[in-house]
């Protein structure tokens, strides 16, 4: 297949995805739903951080989760154990969620007006970066057990992110990971990137993360139907 043909197919796929994303975004805006697309490489602690978040924020506002994995329902089961409505989307060989999958999942998930919807994407720092799901923000989780150079190795992901959560910072005394260097790399790609350092184990930094979520939800509710 020629390069021209490959480019044309990719453009068609992205155009179809973007049309579904636009529908999702209109639906979320009309209901005042604050939607976050959580992305990371496997092993970053994303699901653990999400379950801690759901547990700590329970009762403050309604929440729901769309959980993306290639196989199994393990992570969705962990989410439901917090009492939060969740639906599992298995992508098979696919390495990311797309907007149509989100459209279908929302149709089967109770997403309340004035709620937060977390979309936990498939663990991958490449494919998810190219697909708009209709979210308000892309949030990248990078743990200190990974390489400092991840932002430069996967530039599209970090350039497109609105928030970077640096996870597992409780492990820093046992590692040589240079947080400042990693953040500098990320801000080469997006100078205004917001960064919050967190630990789902000790709770460090979580109030800043929760405050960011609450502020985003308040804005979504205030702009409902606008």
Protein backbone atom coordinates (compact mmCIF):
# COMPACT_ATOMS: atom_id res chain seq x y z
CA UNK A 1 0.00 0.00 0.00
CA UNK A 2 1.34 3.42 -0.95
CA UNK A 3 2.16 6.10 1.60
CA UNK A 4 -0.49 8.34 0.04
CA UNK A 5 -3.13 5.65 0.52
CA UNK A 6 -2.09 5.10 4.14
CA UNK A 7 -2.36 8.82 4.85
CA UNK A 8 -5.83 8.94 3.25
CA UNK A 9 -7.05 6.03 5.37
CA UNK A 10 -5.67 7.64 8.53
CA UNK A 11 -7.40 10.92 7.68
CA UNK A 12 -10.70 9.10 7.14
CA UNK A 13 -10.39 7.31 10.50
CA UNK A 14 -9.58 10.51 12.37
CA UNK A 15 -12.36 12.45 10.63
CA UNK A 16 -14.93 9.83 11.64
CA UNK A 17 -13.56 9.82 15.18
CA UNK A 18 -13.70 13.60 15.41
CA UNK A 19 -17.37 13.61 14.37
CA UNK A 20 -18.24 11.26 17.24
CA UNK A 21 -16.07 13.31 19.60
CA UNK A 22 -18.01 16.45 18.68
CA UNK A 23 -21.29 14.71 19.50
CA UNK A 24 -19.87 13.51 22.83
CA UNK A 25 -18.62 16.98 23.69
CA UNK A 26 -22.02 18.56 22.96
CA UNK A 27 -23.76 15.96 25.14
CA UNK A 28 -21.34 16.48 28.01
CA UNK A 29 -21.62 20.27 27.78
CA UNK A 30 -25.42 20.13 27.81
CA UNK A 31 -25.39 18.03 30.98
CA UNK A 32 -22.57 19.90 32.71
CA UNK A 33 -20.38 16.79 32.83
CA UNK A 34 -16.65 17.27 33.40
CA UNK A 35 -14.83 14.60 31.40
CA UNK A 36 -11.20 13.58 31.90
CA UNK A 37 -9.24 11.28 29.59
CA UNK A 38 -6.64 9.55 31.78
CA UNK A 39 -3.65 8.17 29.87
CA UNK A 40 -0.37 6.53 30.82
CA UNK A 41 1.94 3.65 30.10
CA UNK A 42 1.17 0.32 31.80
CA UNK A 43 2.28 0.18 35.42
CA UNK A 44 2.10 3.90 36.15
CA UNK A 45 -0.37 3.32 38.98
CA UNK A 46 -3.20 4.99 37.07
CA UNK A 47 -5.93 2.63 38.27
CA UNK A 48 -4.74 2.75 41.87
CA UNK A 49 -4.72 6.54 41.72
CA UNK A 50 -8.21 6.53 40.21
CA UNK A 51 -9.65 4.20 42.85
CA UNK A 52 -8.14 6.35 45.63
CA UNK A 53 -9.63 9.43 43.95
CA UNK A 54 -13.08 7.86 43.70
CA UNK A 55 -12.96 6.75 47.32
CA UNK A 56 -11.81 10.11 48.66
CA UNK A 57 -14.30 12.15 46.57
CA UNK A 58 -17.29 9.90 47.20
CA UNK A 59 -20.28 11.98 48.24
CA UNK A 60 -18.85 15.29 47.05
CA UNK A 61 -20.33 14.97 43.56
CA UNK A 62 -21.53 12.19 41.24
CA UNK A 63 -18.85 10.24 39.35
CA UNK A 64 -18.70 7.49 36.75
CA UNK A 65 -15.92 5.66 34.90
CA UNK A 66 -15.35 4.23 31.45
CA UNK A 67 -12.55 1.70 31.76
CA UNK A 68 -10.49 0.78 28.69
CA UNK A 69 -8.35 -2.36 28.43
CA UNK A 70 -7.50 -4.81 25.70
CA UNK A 71 -8.80 -7.73 27.74
CA UNK A 72 -10.33 -8.62 31.17
CA UNK A 73 -12.61 -6.63 33.47
CA UNK A 74 -10.16 -6.54 36.38
CA UNK A 75 -9.83 -2.75 36.50
CA UNK A 76 -13.56 -2.11 36.11
CA UNK A 77 -14.17 -4.54 38.98
CA UNK A 78 -11.77 -2.51 41.14
CA UNK A 79 -13.61 0.68 40.20
CA UNK A 80 -17.03 -0.77 40.99
CA UNK A 81 -15.73 -1.89 44.39
CA UNK A 82 -15.56 1.82 45.32
CA UNK A 83 -19.29 2.12 44.68
CA UNK A 84 -18.77 4.09 41.47
CA UNK A 85 -20.69 3.13 38.30
CA UNK A 86 -18.27 1.80 35.71
CA UNK A 87 -18.37 0.11 32.34
CA UNK A 88 -15.56 -1.94 30.83
CA UNK A 89 -14.63 -1.45 27.18
CA UNK A 90 -12.33 -4.16 25.83
CA UNK A 91 -10.53 -3.14 22.67
CA UNK A 92 -9.09 -6.57 21.76
CA UNK A 93 -6.01 -5.85 19.70
CA UNK A 94 -6.76 -2.13 19.69
CA UNK A 95 -4.31 0.04 21.61
CA UNK A 96 -6.67 2.90 22.51
CA UNK A 97 -10.25 3.96 23.02
CA UNK A 98 -11.97 5.97 20.32
CA UNK A 99 -14.85 8.43 20.43
CA UNK A 100 -17.43 5.97 19.10
CA UNK A 101 -16.57 3.53 21.91
CA UNK A 102 -17.18 6.34 24.39
CA UNK A 103 -20.49 7.21 22.71
CA UNK A 104 -21.64 3.62 23.05
CA UNK A 105 -20.39 3.31 26.63
CA UNK A 106 -22.15 6.50 27.73
CA UNK A 107 -25.39 5.06 26.37
CA UNK A 108 -25.05 2.16 28.82
CA UNK A 109 -23.67 4.08 31.80
CA UNK A 110 -25.58 6.33 34.20
CA UNK A 111 -23.79 9.64 33.69
CA UNK A 112 -25.57 12.19 35.87
CA UNK A 113 -25.97 15.88 35.20
CA UNK A 114 -23.24 17.82 36.99
CA UNK A 115 -20.94 14.82 37.39
CA UNK A 116 -17.34 13.89 36.68
CA UNK A 117 -16.70 11.18 34.08
CA UNK A 118 -13.28 9.58 34.16
CA UNK A 119 -12.21 7.74 31.01
CA UNK A 120 -9.29 5.49 31.83
CA UNK A 121 -7.67 4.82 28.47
CA UNK A 122 -5.71 1.74 27.46
CA UNK A 123 -2.17 1.76 28.89
CA UNK A 124 -0.17 3.22 26.01
CA UNK A 125 1.70 6.48 25.44
CA UNK A 126 1.36 6.42 21.64
CA UNK A 127 -2.05 5.56 20.17
CA UNK A 128 -4.38 7.35 22.64
CA UNK A 129 -2.69 10.68 21.95
CA UNK A 130 -4.21 10.90 18.47
CA UNK A 131 -7.86 10.30 19.35
CA UNK A 132 -10.18 12.98 20.71
CA UNK A 133 -12.88 11.36 22.87
CA UNK A 134 -14.87 14.52 23.52
CA UNK A 135 -13.14 15.06 26.86
CA UNK A 136 -12.59 18.40 28.57
CA UNK A 137 -8.97 17.59 29.39
CA UNK A 138 -6.29 15.02 28.68
CA UNK A 139 -4.47 13.97 31.85
CA UNK A 140 -1.21 12.04 31.63
CA UNK A 141 0.02 9.98 34.55
CA UNK A 142 3.77 9.33 34.70
CA UNK A 143 5.28 7.46 37.65
CA UNK A 144 8.73 8.07 39.07
CA UNK A 145 9.56 4.42 38.39
CA UNK A 146 9.62 5.23 34.66
CA UNK A 147 12.23 7.06 32.62
CA UNK A 148 12.75 10.80 32.97
CA UNK A 149 12.93 11.05 29.19
CA UNK A 150 9.43 9.71 28.56
CA UNK A 151 8.11 13.15 27.47
CA UNK A 152 10.76 13.41 24.75
CA UNK A 153 10.23 9.81 23.63
CA UNK A 154 6.45 10.26 23.37
CA UNK A 155 6.07 13.95 22.49
CA UNK A 156 2.53 13.86 21.06
CA UNK A 157 1.15 12.57 24.34
CA UNK A 158 2.75 15.24 26.50
CA UNK A 159 2.26 18.08 24.03
CA UNK A 160 -1.46 17.34 23.96
CA UNK A 161 -1.91 16.97 27.72
CA UNK A 162 -3.52 19.60 29.93
CA UNK A 163 -2.30 18.10 33.19
CA UNK A 164 0.63 15.88 34.15
CA UNK A 165 0.30 13.84 37.33
CA UNK A 166 3.69 12.67 38.58
CA UNK A 167 2.74 9.55 40.50
CA UNK A 168 4.39 7.37 43.18
CA UNK A 169 6.46 10.24 44.57
CA UNK A 170 6.62 8.40 47.89
CA UNK A 171 9.21 6.15 46.20
CA UNK A 172 11.61 8.99 45.34
CA UNK A 173 13.95 8.35 48.31
CA UNK A 174 14.67 4.93 46.82
CA UNK A 175 15.23 6.09 43.22
CA UNK A 176 17.48 8.33 41.16
CA UNK A 177 14.56 9.83 39.20
CA UNK A 178 15.00 13.59 38.65
CA UNK A 179 11.51 15.09 38.79
CA UNK A 180 12.66 18.59 37.82
CA UNK A 181 14.44 17.29 34.72
CA UNK A 182 11.40 15.29 33.61
CA UNK A 183 9.12 18.30 34.07
CA UNK A 184 11.55 20.46 32.10
CA UNK A 185 11.43 17.94 29.26
CA UNK A 186 7.62 17.97 29.32
CA UNK A 187 7.49 21.76 29.29
CA UNK A 188 9.76 21.86 26.25
CA UNK A 189 6.74 20.37 24.50
CA UNK A 190 4.06 22.40 26.32
CA UNK A 191 5.39 25.36 28.30
CA UNK A 192 2.16 25.94 30.25
CA UNK A 193 1.63 22.30 31.22
CA UNK A 194 0.16 22.02 34.72
CA UNK A 195 2.00 19.51 36.90
CA UNK A 196 0.88 17.97 40.20
CA UNK A 197 3.06 15.53 42.14
CA UNK A 198 1.00 12.84 43.85
CA UNK A 199 1.10 9.60 45.79
CA UNK A 200 -1.95 7.36 45.96
CA UNK A 201 -0.28 5.56 48.87
CA UNK A 202 0.49 8.46 51.21
CA UNK A 203 -2.04 10.95 49.86
CA UNK A 204 0.62 13.57 49.09
CA UNK A 205 -0.55 16.06 46.50
CA UNK A 206 -4.02 14.57 46.21
CA UNK A 207 -5.82 17.64 47.57
CA UNK A 208 -4.31 19.69 44.72
CA UNK A 209 -5.55 17.07 42.26
CA UNK A 210 -8.99 17.04 43.85
CA UNK A 211 -9.14 20.82 43.85
CA UNK A 212 -8.32 20.87 40.14
CA UNK A 213 -11.15 18.40 39.48
CA UNK A 214 -13.65 20.37 41.57
CA UNK A 215 -12.76 23.63 39.81
CA UNK A 216 -13.20 21.98 36.41
CA UNK A 217 -16.57 20.54 37.38
CA UNK A 218 -17.76 23.91 38.68
CA UNK A 219 -16.84 25.49 35.36
CA UNK A 220 -18.62 22.72 33.42
CA UNK A 221 -21.78 23.14 35.49
CA UNK A 222 -21.69 26.94 35.15
CA UNK A 223 -21.38 26.63 31.39
CA UNK A 224 -24.09 24.00 31.03
CA UNK A 225 -26.15 24.57 27.92
CA UNK A 226 -24.17 27.70 26.98
